[in-house]
C-alpha atoms as a PDB file:
ATOM      1  CA  MET A   1      30.772  32.577   5.901  1.00  0.00           C
ATOM      2  CA  ARG A   2      28.328  33.131   3.037  1.00  0.00           C
ATOM      3  CA  ALA A   3      30.343  30.837   0.752  1.00  0.00           C
ATOM      4  CA  PHE A   4      30.244  28.144   3.424  1.00  0.00           C
ATOM      5  CA  ARG A   5      26.460  28.422   3.684  1.00  0.00           C
ATOM      6  CA  LEU A   6      26.062  28.159  -0.090  1.00  0.00           C
ATOM      7  CA  LEU A   7      28.320  25.122  -0.167  1.00  0.00           C
ATOM      8  CA  LEU A   8      26.376  23.506   2.663  1.00  0.00           C
ATOM      9  CA  LEU A   9      23.036  24.220   0.954  1.00  0.00           C
ATOM     10  CA  SER A  10      24.227  22.814  -2.364  1.00  0.00           C
ATOM     11  CA  LEU A  11      25.481  19.636  -0.657  1.00  0.00           C
ATOM     12  CA  LEU A  12      22.191  19.250   1.169  1.00  0.00           C
ATOM     13  CA  ALA A  13      20.235  19.744  -2.069  1.00  0.00           C
ATOM     14  CA  SER A  14      22.349  17.133  -3.839  1.00  0.00           C
ATOM     15  CA  PHE A  15      21.307  14.583  -1.210  1.00  0.00           C
ATOM     16  CA  LEU A  16      17.632  15.565  -1.104  1.00  0.00           C
ATOM     17  CA  LEU A  17      16.867  15.935  -4.808  1.00  0.00           C
ATOM     18  CA  PRO A  18      17.314  12.245  -5.662  1.00  0.00           C
ATOM     19  CA  ALA A  19      14.912  11.358  -2.844  1.00  0.00           C
ATOM     20  CA  CYS A  20      12.337  13.811  -4.182  1.00  0.00           C
ATOM     21  CA  ALA A  21      12.790  12.517  -7.711  1.00  0.00           C
ATOM     22  CA  SER A  22      12.104   8.933  -6.600  1.00  0.00           C
ATOM     23  CA  GLY A  23       8.368   9.529  -6.911  1.00  0.00           C
ATOM     24  CA  GLY A  24       6.912   9.963  -3.434  1.00  0.00           C
ATOM     25  CA  ASP A  25       5.347   7.107  -1.489  1.00  0.00           C
ATOM     26  CA  TRP A  26       6.229   3.574  -2.561  1.00  0.00           C
ATOM     27  CA  VAL A  27       6.510   0.086  -1.171  1.00  0.00           C
ATOM     28  CA  GLU A  28       8.652  -2.845  -2.226  1.00  0.00           C
ATOM     29  CA  LEU A  29       7.397  -6.406  -2.127  1.00  0.00           C
ATOM     30  CA  ALA A  30       9.184  -9.499  -3.419  1.00  0.00           C
ATOM     31  CA  GLY A  31      11.641  -7.320  -5.344  1.00  0.00           C
ATOM     32  CA  ASN A  32       8.921  -5.202  -6.983  1.00  0.00           C
ATOM     33  CA  ARG A  33       8.270  -1.520  -6.315  1.00  0.00           C
ATOM     34  CA  TYR A  34       4.757  -0.062  -6.300  1.00  0.00           C
ATOM     35  CA  LYS A  35       3.782   3.585  -6.099  1.00  0.00           C
ATOM     36  CA  VAL A  36       1.106   3.805  -3.406  1.00  0.00           C
ATOM     37  CA  GLU A  37      -1.562   6.096  -2.115  1.00  0.00           C
ATOM     38  CA  ILE A  38      -1.754   6.073   1.670  1.00  0.00           C
ATOM     39  CA  ALA A  39      -5.034   5.526   3.516  1.00  0.00           C
ATOM     40  CA  ALA A  40      -4.264   6.218   7.179  1.00  0.00           C
ATOM     41  CA  SER A  41      -7.408   8.024   8.357  1.00  0.00           C
ATOM     42  CA  ASP A  42     -10.797   6.426   9.006  1.00  0.00           C
ATOM     43  CA  GLU A  43     -12.285   8.328   6.052  1.00  0.00           C
ATOM     44  CA  ALA A  44      -9.517   7.337   3.630  1.00  0.00           C
ATOM     45  CA  ARG A  45      -9.675   3.691   4.719  1.00  0.00           C
ATOM     46  CA  ALA A  46     -13.469   3.651   4.315  1.00  0.00           C
ATOM     47  CA  ARG A  47     -13.308   5.110   0.802  1.00  0.00           C
ATOM     48  CA  GLY A  48     -10.297   3.113  -0.395  1.00  0.00           C
ATOM     49  CA  LEU A  49     -10.444   2.516  -4.138  1.00  0.00           C
ATOM     50  CA  MET A  50     -14.223   2.956  -4.435  1.00  0.00           C
ATOM     51  CA  PHE A  51     -15.658   4.389  -7.656  1.00  0.00           C
ATOM     52  CA  ARG A  52     -12.412   4.064  -9.627  1.00  0.00           C
ATOM     53  CA  ASP A  53     -12.394   2.506 -13.067  1.00  0.00           C
ATOM     54  CA  VAL A  54      -8.681   1.739 -13.192  1.00  0.00           C
ATOM     55  CA  LEU A  55      -5.633   1.275 -10.995  1.00  0.00           C
ATOM     56  CA  GLU A  56      -2.497   1.960 -13.001  1.00  0.00           C
ATOM     57  CA  GLU A  57      -0.013  -0.867 -13.416  1.00  0.00           C
ATOM     58  CA  GLY A  58       2.643  -0.648 -10.730  1.00  0.00           C
ATOM     59  CA  HIS A  59       0.336   1.278  -8.376  1.00  0.00           C
ATOM     60  CA  GLY A  60      -1.586   0.347  -5.262  1.00  0.00           C
ATOM     61  CA  MET A  61      -3.137   1.595  -2.058  1.00  0.00           C
ATOM     62  CA  LEU A  62      -1.581   1.076   1.360  1.00  0.00           C
ATOM     63  CA  PHE A  63      -3.955   1.078   4.333  1.00  0.00           C
ATOM     64  CA  ILE A  64      -2.333   1.809   7.691  1.00  0.00           C
ATOM     65  CA  HIS A  65      -4.342   0.827  10.757  1.00  0.00           C
ATOM     66  CA  ASP A  66      -3.795   2.161  14.276  1.00  0.00           C
ATOM     67  CA  SER A  67      -2.936  -1.279  15.650  1.00  0.00           C
ATOM     68  CA  GLU A  68      -2.534  -4.889  14.630  1.00  0.00           C
ATOM     69  CA  ALA A  69      -5.905  -6.688  14.676  1.00  0.00           C
ATOM     70  CA  PRO A  70      -8.003  -9.053  12.559  1.00  0.00           C
ATOM     71  CA  GLN A  71      -8.976  -7.158   9.412  1.00  0.00           C
ATOM     72  CA  ALA A  72     -11.730  -7.726   6.862  1.00  0.00           C
ATOM     73  CA  TYR A  73     -12.099  -5.742   3.650  1.00  0.00           C
ATOM     74  CA  TRP A  74     -14.988  -5.620   1.240  1.00  0.00           C
ATOM     75  CA  MET A  75     -15.393  -4.417  -2.308  1.00  0.00           C
ATOM     76  CA  LYS A  76     -18.436  -2.180  -1.886  1.00  0.00           C
ATOM     77  CA  ASN A  77     -18.601   0.230  -4.853  1.00  0.00           C
ATOM     78  CA  THR A  78     -15.224  -1.008  -6.063  1.00  0.00           C
ATOM     79  CA  ARG A  79     -15.020  -1.423  -9.827  1.00  0.00           C
ATOM     80  CA  ILE A  80     -11.545  -2.968 -10.019  1.00  0.00           C
ATOM     81  CA  ALA A  81     -10.676  -6.588  -9.220  1.00  0.00           C
ATOM     82  CA  LEU A  82      -7.937  -6.577  -6.568  1.00  0.00           C
ATOM     83  CA  ASP A  83      -5.428  -8.627  -4.624  1.00  0.00           C
ATOM     84  CA  ILE A  84      -5.812  -7.744  -0.923  1.00  0.00           C
ATOM     85  CA  LEU A  85      -2.615  -8.417   1.035  1.00  0.00           C
ATOM     86  CA  TYR A  86      -2.457  -8.323   4.839  1.00  0.00           C
ATOM     87  CA  PHE A  87       0.747  -7.578   6.806  1.00  0.00           C
ATOM     88  CA  ASP A  88       1.474  -7.689  10.537  1.00  0.00           C
ATOM     89  CA  ASP A  89       3.323  -5.150  12.728  1.00  0.00           C
ATOM     90  CA  ALA A  90       6.659  -6.463  11.437  1.00  0.00           C
ATOM     91  CA  ARG A  91       5.373  -5.973   7.841  1.00  0.00           C
ATOM     92  CA  LYS A  92       5.366  -9.719   7.185  1.00  0.00           C
ATOM     93  CA  LEU A  93       2.691 -10.992   4.813  1.00  0.00           C
ATOM     94  CA  VAL A  94       0.240 -12.991   6.944  1.00  0.00           C
ATOM     95  CA  SER A  95      -2.722 -13.404   4.593  1.00  0.00           C
ATOM     96  CA  GLN A  96      -3.703 -13.012   0.953  1.00  0.00           C
ATOM     97  CA  GLN A  97      -7.055 -12.605  -0.748  1.00  0.00           C
ATOM     98  CA  ARG A  98      -6.325 -12.902  -4.459  1.00  0.00           C
ATOM     99  CA  ASP A  99      -8.441 -11.955  -7.456  1.00  0.00           C
ATOM    100  CA  VAL A 100     -11.215 -10.407  -5.389  1.00  0.00           C
ATOM    101  CA  PRO A 101     -13.985  -9.370  -7.802  1.00  0.00           C
ATOM    102  CA  PRO A 102     -15.632  -5.936  -7.940  1.00  0.00           C
ATOM    103  CA  CYS A 103     -18.961  -5.553  -6.155  1.00  0.00           C
ATOM    104  CA  SER A 104     -21.858  -3.226  -6.870  1.00  0.00           C
ATOM    105  CA  GLY A 105     -24.177  -4.916  -4.353  1.00  0.00           C
ATOM    106  CA  GLY A 106     -23.849  -2.203  -1.718  1.00  0.00           C
ATOM    107  CA  ASN A 107     -24.113  -3.642   1.794  1.00  0.00           C
ATOM    108  CA  ARG A 108     -24.625  -7.131   0.333  1.00  0.00           C
ATOM    109  CA  CYS A 109     -20.980  -7.309  -0.793  1.00  0.00           C
ATOM    110  CA  PRO A 110     -19.052 -10.098   0.992  1.00  0.00           C
ATOM    111  CA  SER A 111     -16.060  -9.359   3.199  1.00  0.00           C
ATOM    112  CA  TYR A 112     -12.601 -10.853   2.737  1.00  0.00           C
ATOM    113  CA  PRO A 113     -10.935 -11.369   6.133  1.00  0.00           C
ATOM    114  CA  SER A 114      -7.303 -11.797   7.037  1.00  0.00           C
ATOM    115  CA  ASP A 115      -6.220 -15.199   8.357  1.00  0.00           C
ATOM    116  CA  ALA A 116      -4.157 -13.489  11.086  1.00  0.00           C
ATOM    117  CA  PRO A 117      -4.013 -10.079  12.771  1.00  0.00           C
ATOM    118  CA  ALA A 118      -2.711  -7.345  10.456  1.00  0.00           C
ATOM    119  CA  ARG A 119      -1.764  -3.691  10.677  1.00  0.00           C
ATOM    120  CA  TYR A 120      -1.057  -2.912   7.027  1.00  0.00           C
ATOM    121  CA  VAL A 121      -3.133  -3.829   4.005  1.00  0.00           C
ATOM    122  CA  LEU A 122      -1.890  -3.432   0.454  1.00  0.00           C
ATOM    123  CA  GLU A 123      -4.313  -3.500  -2.454  1.00  0.00           C
ATOM    124  CA  LEU A 124      -2.902  -4.213  -5.911  1.00  0.00           C
ATOM    125  CA  ASN A 125      -4.479  -5.084  -9.239  1.00  0.00           C
ATOM    126  CA  ALA A 126      -5.847  -8.627  -9.318  1.00  0.00           C
ATOM    127  CA  GLY A 127      -3.281 -11.107 -10.581  1.00  0.00           C
ATOM    128  CA  GLU A 128      -0.280  -9.167  -9.310  1.00  0.00           C
ATOM    129  CA  ALA A 129       0.381 -11.532  -6.383  1.00  0.00           C
ATOM    130  CA  GLN A 130       0.394 -14.483  -8.765  1.00  0.00           C
ATOM    131  CA  ARG A 131       2.552 -12.626 -11.293  1.00  0.00           C
ATOM    132  CA  ILE A 132       5.300 -12.010  -8.730  1.00  0.00           C
ATOM    133  CA  GLY A 133       4.946 -15.428  -7.066  1.00  0.00           C
ATOM    134  CA  LEU A 134       4.029 -13.896  -3.715  1.00  0.00           C
ATOM    135  CA  LYS A 135       4.296 -16.174  -0.681  1.00  0.00           C
ATOM    136  CA  ASP A 136       3.226 -15.617   2.922  1.00  0.00           C
ATOM    137  CA  GLY A 137       6.108 -14.354   5.044  1.00  0.00           C
ATOM    138  CA  GLU A 138       7.394 -11.831   2.470  1.00  0.00           C
ATOM    139  CA  THR A 139       8.378  -8.494   3.989  1.00  0.00           C
ATOM    140  CA  LEU A 140       6.879  -5.191   2.875  1.00  0.00           C
ATOM    141  CA  VAL A 141       9.439  -2.358   2.664  1.00  0.00           C
ATOM    142  CA  PHE A 142       8.307   1.266   2.966  1.00  0.00           C
ATOM    143  CA  SER A 143       9.809   4.315   1.285  1.00  0.00           C
ATOM    144  CA  PRO A 144      11.290   6.807   3.785  1.00  0.00           C
ATOM    145  CA  SER A 145       8.309   9.118   3.155  1.00  0.00           C
ATOM    146  CA  ILE A 146       5.819   6.669   4.676  1.00  0.00           C
ATOM    147  CA  PRO A 147       5.448   7.181   8.422  1.00  0.00           C
ATOM    148  CA  ALA A 148       6.049   4.006  10.394  1.00  0.00           C
ATOM    149  CA  PRO A 149       4.042   4.021  13.628  1.00  0.00           C
END
């Protein structure tokens, strides 16, 4: 019985280790994979990428809202130019705000709304959407570690 348990545990580990080694939370978009930080709480969504001087290449932030609705993001205290990408419940790209500049104007910073209701928002370094030739309608794929509501 003990040998069977050890065999079962080693088989289970062989399946789980590659998933752990894949690097945590990621999304795929237009054939490109990005390591993401998740902002699913009100506090995390409000803070976003504020006060950061750099966003590593191949990285981004995924905002998960409680429901699909019109969204508008702003760049208050954000020091990095970004592409802001809006996705609906089906994870289809419904709106893009490209090359959004940083803003240090506090509450005077403009907002950048979605053209359609969205549930997920992905922020990437400015220019990334152009680099990959991103078009509305693309589907965002989540890693298994990201909870899908």
